[in-house]
Amino acid sequence: MILAHATLVSGDASPILKIEISKHIFHTDVIVVPANTKIKLIIYNRDATAEEIESHSLKFKKIIMGNTNGFVFIGPLPQGEYHFIGAFHPRTANAIIRAIKKEN
């Protein structure tokens, strides 16, 4: 399991997260974000073929052509876990966004 944490980009109020998919596998399979915060998720598709990234719990669907990237805005999310997949390769392309309570 690989963990990614949200980082704030200077001048932007929303955390921006970056993940990639290659060989039909997300190379960050658990993304930890602060609960109740809107985030921008940038997905880099390193494969030569397109992938459809989708999540029923997060209510998004996005096709990302091969060797390009795309993004979606997610949230604000209540505390919990939210699954997403690469619909063209669901056996290998799956990941989780984990929204956790901010620590003071």
Protein backbone atom coordinates (compact mmCIF):
# COMPACT_ATOMS: atom_id res chain seq x y z
CA MET A 1 0.00 0.00 0.00
CA ILE A 2 1.35 3.41 -1.01
CA LEU A 3 0.05 6.49 0.79
CA ALA A 4 -0.19 10.00 -0.59
CA HIS A 5 -1.00 13.05 1.44
CA ALA A 6 -2.62 16.27 0.29
CA THR A 7 -0.39 19.26 -0.06
CA LEU A 8 -1.40 22.87 -0.47
CA VAL A 9 -0.19 24.61 -3.57
CA SER A 10 0.79 28.24 -3.02
CA GLY A 11 -2.05 30.65 -3.72
CA ASP A 12 -4.66 27.90 -3.99
CA ALA A 13 -7.21 27.23 -1.26
CA SER A 14 -7.81 23.60 -2.30
CA PRO A 15 -5.25 20.85 -1.79
CA ILE A 16 -4.00 19.42 -5.09
CA LEU A 17 -3.27 15.72 -5.21
CA LYS A 18 -1.34 14.00 -7.97
CA ILE A 19 -1.47 10.30 -8.75
CA GLU A 20 -0.53 8.22 -11.73
CA ILE A 21 -1.68 5.07 -13.39
CA SER A 22 0.69 2.89 -15.38
CA LYS A 23 0.45 -0.72 -16.44
CA HIS A 24 -3.21 -0.32 -15.40
CA ILE A 25 -2.31 0.11 -11.73
CA PHE A 26 -2.65 3.25 -9.60
CA HIS A 27 0.76 4.02 -8.15
CA THR A 28 -0.79 5.69 -5.18
CA ASP A 29 -3.51 3.36 -4.03
CA VAL A 30 -4.47 5.13 -0.80
CA ILE A 31 -4.78 8.91 -0.80
CA VAL A 32 -5.21 10.60 2.57
CA VAL A 33 -7.00 13.95 2.52
CA PRO A 34 -8.42 16.25 5.19
CA ALA A 35 -12.14 15.70 5.80
CA ASN A 36 -14.56 18.47 4.87
CA THR A 37 -12.13 19.94 2.33
CA LYS A 38 -12.56 20.25 -1.42
CA ILE A 39 -9.60 18.77 -3.32
CA LYS A 40 -8.36 18.71 -6.88
CA LEU A 41 -7.20 15.26 -7.99
CA ILE A 42 -4.83 15.21 -10.98
CA ILE A 43 -4.44 11.81 -12.62
CA TYR A 44 -1.50 11.11 -14.94
CA ASN A 45 -2.17 8.23 -17.34
CA ARG A 46 1.27 6.81 -18.24
CA ASP A 47 -0.24 4.02 -20.36
CA ALA A 48 -0.59 4.24 -24.14
CA THR A 49 -4.31 3.46 -23.89
CA ALA A 50 -7.18 5.46 -22.44
CA GLU A 51 -8.59 4.78 -18.97
CA GLU A 52 -11.97 5.71 -17.53
CA ILE A 53 -11.59 6.73 -13.89
CA GLU A 54 -14.84 6.49 -11.99
CA SER A 55 -16.30 6.40 -8.53
CA HIS A 56 -19.90 5.81 -7.54
CA SER A 57 -19.31 7.06 -3.99
CA LEU A 58 -17.55 10.23 -5.21
CA LYS A 59 -19.97 10.68 -8.12
CA PHE A 60 -17.46 11.24 -10.91
CA LYS A 61 -16.43 9.65 -14.18
CA LYS A 62 -13.52 10.88 -16.31
CA ILE A 63 -11.87 9.41 -19.41
CA ILE A 64 -8.15 10.15 -19.61
CA MET A 65 -6.48 9.41 -22.92
CA GLY A 66 -3.16 7.57 -23.01
CA ASN A 67 -0.02 9.53 -22.09
CA THR A 68 -2.03 12.54 -20.88
CA ASN A 69 -3.55 13.74 -17.63
CA GLY A 70 -6.87 14.95 -16.39
CA PHE A 71 -8.38 16.19 -13.15
CA VAL A 72 -11.54 16.14 -11.07
CA PHE A 73 -12.66 18.18 -8.08
CA ILE A 74 -13.82 16.10 -5.14
CA GLY A 75 -15.57 17.03 -1.93
CA PRO A 76 -15.78 18.45 0.57
CA LEU A 77 -15.86 14.90 1.90
CA PRO A 78 -17.11 13.73 5.28
CA GLN A 79 -14.70 11.51 7.17
CA GLY A 80 -14.55 8.05 5.58
CA GLU A 81 -13.21 5.98 2.69
CA TYR A 82 -14.17 6.42 -0.95
CA HIS A 83 -13.22 3.94 -3.66
CA PHE A 84 -12.43 4.68 -7.28
CA ILE A 85 -11.36 2.48 -10.18
CA GLY A 86 -10.06 2.44 -13.69
CA ALA A 87 -13.21 1.06 -15.31
CA PHE A 88 -11.35 -0.42 -18.30
CA HIS A 89 -9.11 -2.45 -15.91
CA PRO A 90 -11.08 -2.78 -12.64
CA ARG A 91 -9.18 -5.84 -11.38
CA THR A 92 -5.89 -3.96 -11.15
CA ALA A 93 -6.78 -0.26 -11.22
CA ASN A 94 -8.41 0.50 -7.89
CA ALA A 95 -7.64 2.98 -5.15
CA ILE A 96 -9.10 4.66 -2.08
CA ILE A 97 -9.42 8.24 -0.93
CA ARG A 98 -9.41 8.34 2.87
CA ALA A 99 -10.82 11.55 4.35
CA ILE A 100 -9.60 12.04 7.91
CA LYS A 101 -10.30 14.61 10.57
CA LYS A 102 -7.77 17.45 10.63
CA GLU A 103 -5.49 17.49 13.64
CA ASN A 104 -5.00 20.82 15.40
